[in-house]
């Protein structure tokens, strides 16, 4: 039942859309279907159910906060630590996450509220630190942002 819903919620870095349906997010954001979304997960165990995590990087991933990891398979994941965002992720297990705006545009609260199926209050627009992005290979880690 929750699988195709699009949630408007406070994420660990911004106000964003969260859903298990990449197709719904792509349609709402009017984004190229070839671009991947970050998959937010509730734990390292959930992450490991999607991809193999190189042993030498597990400690860094477990301890990281507001960090996205591009895995050797090319997909991006974030293990969420934020307590409020985790409440939703614990119910879903995992979800695609993206900013709550049209692709290439800035945040528009009216647009975001109109297209979301479920609005999780409170929504607090804050200037949070953007997430760090790291690209992992089997043997090294490279900071992208």
C-alpha atoms as a PDB file:
ATOM      1  CA  UNK A   1       0.000   0.000   0.000  1.00  0.00           C
ATOM      2  CA  UNK A   2       2.812   2.438   0.811  1.00  0.00           C
ATOM      3  CA  UNK A   3       4.926   1.255  -2.131  1.00  0.00           C
ATOM      4  CA  UNK A   4       3.542   3.718  -4.707  1.00  0.00           C
ATOM      5  CA  UNK A   5       2.965   6.647  -2.348  1.00  0.00           C
ATOM      6  CA  UNK A   6       5.066   9.809  -2.571  1.00  0.00           C
ATOM      7  CA  UNK A   7       5.781  11.378   0.805  1.00  0.00           C
ATOM      8  CA  UNK A   8       6.721  15.019   1.300  1.00  0.00           C
ATOM      9  CA  UNK A   9       8.861  15.023   4.409  1.00  0.00           C
ATOM     10  CA  UNK A  10      11.789  16.531   6.215  1.00  0.00           C
ATOM     11  CA  UNK A  11      14.792  14.405   5.267  1.00  0.00           C
ATOM     12  CA  UNK A  12      18.178  14.473   6.929  1.00  0.00           C
ATOM     13  CA  UNK A  13      19.346  17.278   4.598  1.00  0.00           C
ATOM     14  CA  UNK A  14      16.273  19.121   3.240  1.00  0.00           C
ATOM     15  CA  UNK A  15      12.562  18.933   2.530  1.00  0.00           C
ATOM     16  CA  UNK A  16      12.220  16.143   0.026  1.00  0.00           C
ATOM     17  CA  UNK A  17      10.149  13.533  -1.730  1.00  0.00           C
ATOM     18  CA  UNK A  18      10.491   9.966  -0.467  1.00  0.00           C
ATOM     19  CA  UNK A  19       9.006   6.984  -2.287  1.00  0.00           C
ATOM     20  CA  UNK A  20       9.652   3.383  -3.262  1.00  0.00           C
ATOM     21  CA  UNK A  21       8.478   4.224  -6.794  1.00  0.00           C
ATOM     22  CA  UNK A  22      11.215   5.742  -8.961  1.00  0.00           C
ATOM     23  CA  UNK A  23       8.683   6.046 -11.802  1.00  0.00           C
ATOM     24  CA  UNK A  24       6.363   8.236  -9.713  1.00  0.00           C
ATOM     25  CA  UNK A  25       9.263  10.473  -8.641  1.00  0.00           C
ATOM     26  CA  UNK A  26      10.510  10.780 -12.231  1.00  0.00           C
ATOM     27  CA  UNK A  27       7.035  11.765 -13.425  1.00  0.00           C
ATOM     28  CA  UNK A  28       6.516  14.325 -10.647  1.00  0.00           C
ATOM     29  CA  UNK A  29       9.949  15.908 -11.029  1.00  0.00           C
ATOM     30  CA  UNK A  30       9.845  15.759 -14.851  1.00  0.00           C
ATOM     31  CA  UNK A  31      13.316  14.275 -14.706  1.00  0.00           C
ATOM     32  CA  UNK A  32      15.175  12.135 -17.220  1.00  0.00           C
ATOM     33  CA  UNK A  33      14.311   8.474 -16.591  1.00  0.00           C
ATOM     34  CA  UNK A  34      17.985   7.577 -17.039  1.00  0.00           C
ATOM     35  CA  UNK A  35      19.101   9.405 -13.891  1.00  0.00           C
ATOM     36  CA  UNK A  36      19.325   7.323 -10.725  1.00  0.00           C
ATOM     37  CA  UNK A  37      17.949   8.326  -7.325  1.00  0.00           C
ATOM     38  CA  UNK A  38      19.660   7.959  -3.987  1.00  0.00           C
ATOM     39  CA  UNK A  39      18.280   4.958  -2.142  1.00  0.00           C
ATOM     40  CA  UNK A  40      17.936   5.800   1.559  1.00  0.00           C
ATOM     41  CA  UNK A  41      18.073   2.828   3.898  1.00  0.00           C
ATOM     42  CA  UNK A  42      17.434   2.413   7.608  1.00  0.00           C
ATOM     43  CA  UNK A  43      20.527   0.346   8.412  1.00  0.00           C
ATOM     44  CA  UNK A  44      23.737  -1.165   7.115  1.00  0.00           C
ATOM     45  CA  UNK A  45      21.963  -4.545   7.102  1.00  0.00           C
ATOM     46  CA  UNK A  46      19.321  -3.195   4.708  1.00  0.00           C
ATOM     47  CA  UNK A  47      22.051  -1.688   2.524  1.00  0.00           C
ATOM     48  CA  UNK A  48      23.766  -5.075   2.355  1.00  0.00           C
ATOM     49  CA  UNK A  49      20.540  -6.633   1.092  1.00  0.00           C
ATOM     50  CA  UNK A  50      20.852  -4.427  -2.038  1.00  0.00           C
ATOM     51  CA  UNK A  51      24.563  -4.462  -2.753  1.00  0.00           C
ATOM     52  CA  UNK A  52      27.827  -5.928  -1.634  1.00  0.00           C
ATOM     53  CA  UNK A  53      29.629  -3.497   0.657  1.00  0.00           C
ATOM     54  CA  UNK A  54      33.417  -3.830   0.469  1.00  0.00           C
ATOM     55  CA  UNK A  55      34.657  -4.968   3.893  1.00  0.00           C
ATOM     56  CA  UNK A  56      37.170  -2.147   4.209  1.00  0.00           C
ATOM     57  CA  UNK A  57      34.384   0.498   3.892  1.00  0.00           C
ATOM     58  CA  UNK A  58      31.774  -0.911   6.315  1.00  0.00           C
ATOM     59  CA  UNK A  59      33.123   1.005   9.317  1.00  0.00           C
ATOM     60  CA  UNK A  60      33.084   4.335   7.418  1.00  0.00           C
ATOM     61  CA  UNK A  61      29.545   3.768   6.167  1.00  0.00           C
ATOM     62  CA  UNK A  62      28.295   2.744   9.607  1.00  0.00           C
ATOM     63  CA  UNK A  63      29.723   5.905  11.223  1.00  0.00           C
ATOM     64  CA  UNK A  64      28.916   8.387   8.418  1.00  0.00           C
ATOM     65  CA  UNK A  65      26.260  11.046   8.819  1.00  0.00           C
ATOM     66  CA  UNK A  66      24.559  12.849   5.929  1.00  0.00           C
ATOM     67  CA  UNK A  67      26.775  10.991   3.488  1.00  0.00           C
ATOM     68  CA  UNK A  68      25.903   9.351   0.193  1.00  0.00           C
ATOM     69  CA  UNK A  69      27.980   6.461  -1.095  1.00  0.00           C
ATOM     70  CA  UNK A  70      28.244   5.508  -4.747  1.00  0.00           C
ATOM     71  CA  UNK A  71      28.904   1.790  -4.620  1.00  0.00           C
ATOM     72  CA  UNK A  72      31.027  -0.222  -7.051  1.00  0.00           C
ATOM     73  CA  UNK A  73      27.771  -1.249  -8.815  1.00  0.00           C
ATOM     74  CA  UNK A  74      27.154   2.452  -9.689  1.00  0.00           C
ATOM     75  CA  UNK A  75      24.097   2.927  -7.461  1.00  0.00           C
ATOM     76  CA  UNK A  76      23.944   5.532  -4.676  1.00  0.00           C
ATOM     77  CA  UNK A  77      22.903   4.810  -1.095  1.00  0.00           C
ATOM     78  CA  UNK A  78      22.592   6.715   2.170  1.00  0.00           C
ATOM     79  CA  UNK A  79      22.272   5.073   5.579  1.00  0.00           C
ATOM     80  CA  UNK A  80      20.034   7.540   7.423  1.00  0.00           C
ATOM     81  CA  UNK A  81      20.780   8.472  11.032  1.00  0.00           C
ATOM     82  CA  UNK A  82      18.314  11.369  11.475  1.00  0.00           C
ATOM     83  CA  UNK A  83      15.671  10.244  14.010  1.00  0.00           C
ATOM     84  CA  UNK A  84      12.720  11.980  12.329  1.00  0.00           C
ATOM     85  CA  UNK A  85      13.567  10.690   8.851  1.00  0.00           C
ATOM     86  CA  UNK A  86      14.184   7.217  10.305  1.00  0.00           C
ATOM     87  CA  UNK A  87      10.588   7.006  11.580  1.00  0.00           C
ATOM     88  CA  UNK A  88       9.361   6.812   7.978  1.00  0.00           C
ATOM     89  CA  UNK A  89      12.243   4.664   6.749  1.00  0.00           C
ATOM     90  CA  UNK A  90      11.688   2.104   9.519  1.00  0.00           C
ATOM     91  CA  UNK A  91       8.187   1.571   8.115  1.00  0.00           C
ATOM     92  CA  UNK A  92       9.368   1.411   4.517  1.00  0.00           C
ATOM     93  CA  UNK A  93      12.758  -0.247   5.074  1.00  0.00           C
ATOM     94  CA  UNK A  94      14.163   1.763   2.176  1.00  0.00           C
ATOM     95  CA  UNK A  95      13.054   4.510  -0.205  1.00  0.00           C
ATOM     96  CA  UNK A  96      14.292   6.642  -3.044  1.00  0.00           C
ATOM     97  CA  UNK A  97      14.905  10.182  -1.877  1.00  0.00           C
ATOM     98  CA  UNK A  98      15.159  13.416  -3.834  1.00  0.00           C
ATOM     99  CA  UNK A  99      14.653  17.136  -3.368  1.00  0.00           C
ATOM    100  CA  UNK A 100      11.038  18.319  -3.440  1.00  0.00           C
ATOM    101  CA  UNK A 101      11.149  20.352  -6.639  1.00  0.00           C
ATOM    102  CA  UNK A 102      10.884  20.109 -10.381  1.00  0.00           C
ATOM    103  CA  UNK A 103      14.157  18.968 -11.914  1.00  0.00           C
ATOM    104  CA  UNK A 104      16.526  21.935 -12.149  1.00  0.00           C
ATOM    105  CA  UNK A 105      14.211  24.279 -10.224  1.00  0.00           C
ATOM    106  CA  UNK A 106      14.261  25.585  -6.664  1.00  0.00           C
ATOM    107  CA  UNK A 107      11.917  24.390  -3.912  1.00  0.00           C
ATOM    108  CA  UNK A 108       8.273  25.493  -4.312  1.00  0.00           C
ATOM    109  CA  UNK A 109       6.177  24.507  -1.297  1.00  0.00           C
ATOM    110  CA  UNK A 110       2.856  24.853  -3.120  1.00  0.00           C
ATOM    111  CA  UNK A 111       4.009  22.532  -5.937  1.00  0.00           C
ATOM    112  CA  UNK A 112       5.433  20.015  -3.456  1.00  0.00           C
ATOM    113  CA  UNK A 113       2.219  19.889  -1.403  1.00  0.00           C
ATOM    114  CA  UNK A 114       0.048  19.500  -4.522  1.00  0.00           C
ATOM    115  CA  UNK A 115       1.911  16.498  -5.939  1.00  0.00           C
ATOM    116  CA  UNK A 116       2.657  14.571  -2.732  1.00  0.00           C
ATOM    117  CA  UNK A 117       0.298  11.782  -1.666  1.00  0.00           C
ATOM    118  CA  UNK A 118       1.220  12.102   2.014  1.00  0.00           C
ATOM    119  CA  UNK A 119       2.619  15.152   3.813  1.00  0.00           C
ATOM    120  CA  UNK A 120       4.624  14.397   6.938  1.00  0.00           C
ATOM    121  CA  UNK A 121       4.620  17.461   9.196  1.00  0.00           C
ATOM    122  CA  UNK A 122       6.469  19.470  10.344  1.00  0.00           C
ATOM    123  CA  UNK A 123       8.307  20.698   7.271  1.00  0.00           C
ATOM    124  CA  UNK A 124      11.126  22.996   8.308  1.00  0.00           C
ATOM    125  CA  UNK A 125      13.043  24.758   5.577  1.00  0.00           C
ATOM    126  CA  UNK A 126      16.511  25.036   6.995  1.00  0.00           C
ATOM    127  CA  UNK A 127      19.951  25.593   5.613  1.00  0.00           C
ATOM    128  CA  UNK A 128      21.316  22.171   6.412  1.00  0.00           C
ATOM    129  CA  UNK A 129      24.758  21.082   5.346  1.00  0.00           C
ATOM    130  CA  UNK A 130      24.488  19.304   2.007  1.00  0.00           C
ATOM    131  CA  UNK A 131      25.383  15.663   2.049  1.00  0.00           C
ATOM    132  CA  UNK A 132      28.889  14.501   1.325  1.00  0.00           C
ATOM    133  CA  UNK A 133      29.255  12.132  -1.617  1.00  0.00           C
ATOM    134  CA  UNK A 134      31.862   9.384  -1.737  1.00  0.00           C
ATOM    135  CA  UNK A 135      32.619   6.975  -4.559  1.00  0.00           C
ATOM    136  CA  UNK A 136      33.714   3.552  -3.378  1.00  0.00           C
ATOM    137  CA  UNK A 137      35.716   0.952  -5.199  1.00  0.00           C
ATOM    138  CA  UNK A 138      36.780  -2.344  -3.736  1.00  0.00           C
ATOM    139  CA  UNK A 139      40.042  -0.829  -2.523  1.00  0.00           C
ATOM    140  CA  UNK A 140      39.643   2.944  -2.192  1.00  0.00           C
ATOM    141  CA  UNK A 141      37.267   5.769  -1.395  1.00  0.00           C
ATOM    142  CA  UNK A 142      37.137   9.082  -3.255  1.00  0.00           C
ATOM    143  CA  UNK A 143      35.313  12.190  -2.032  1.00  0.00           C
ATOM    144  CA  UNK A 144      33.180  13.674  -4.823  1.00  0.00           C
ATOM    145  CA  UNK A 145      31.517  16.491  -2.801  1.00  0.00           C
END
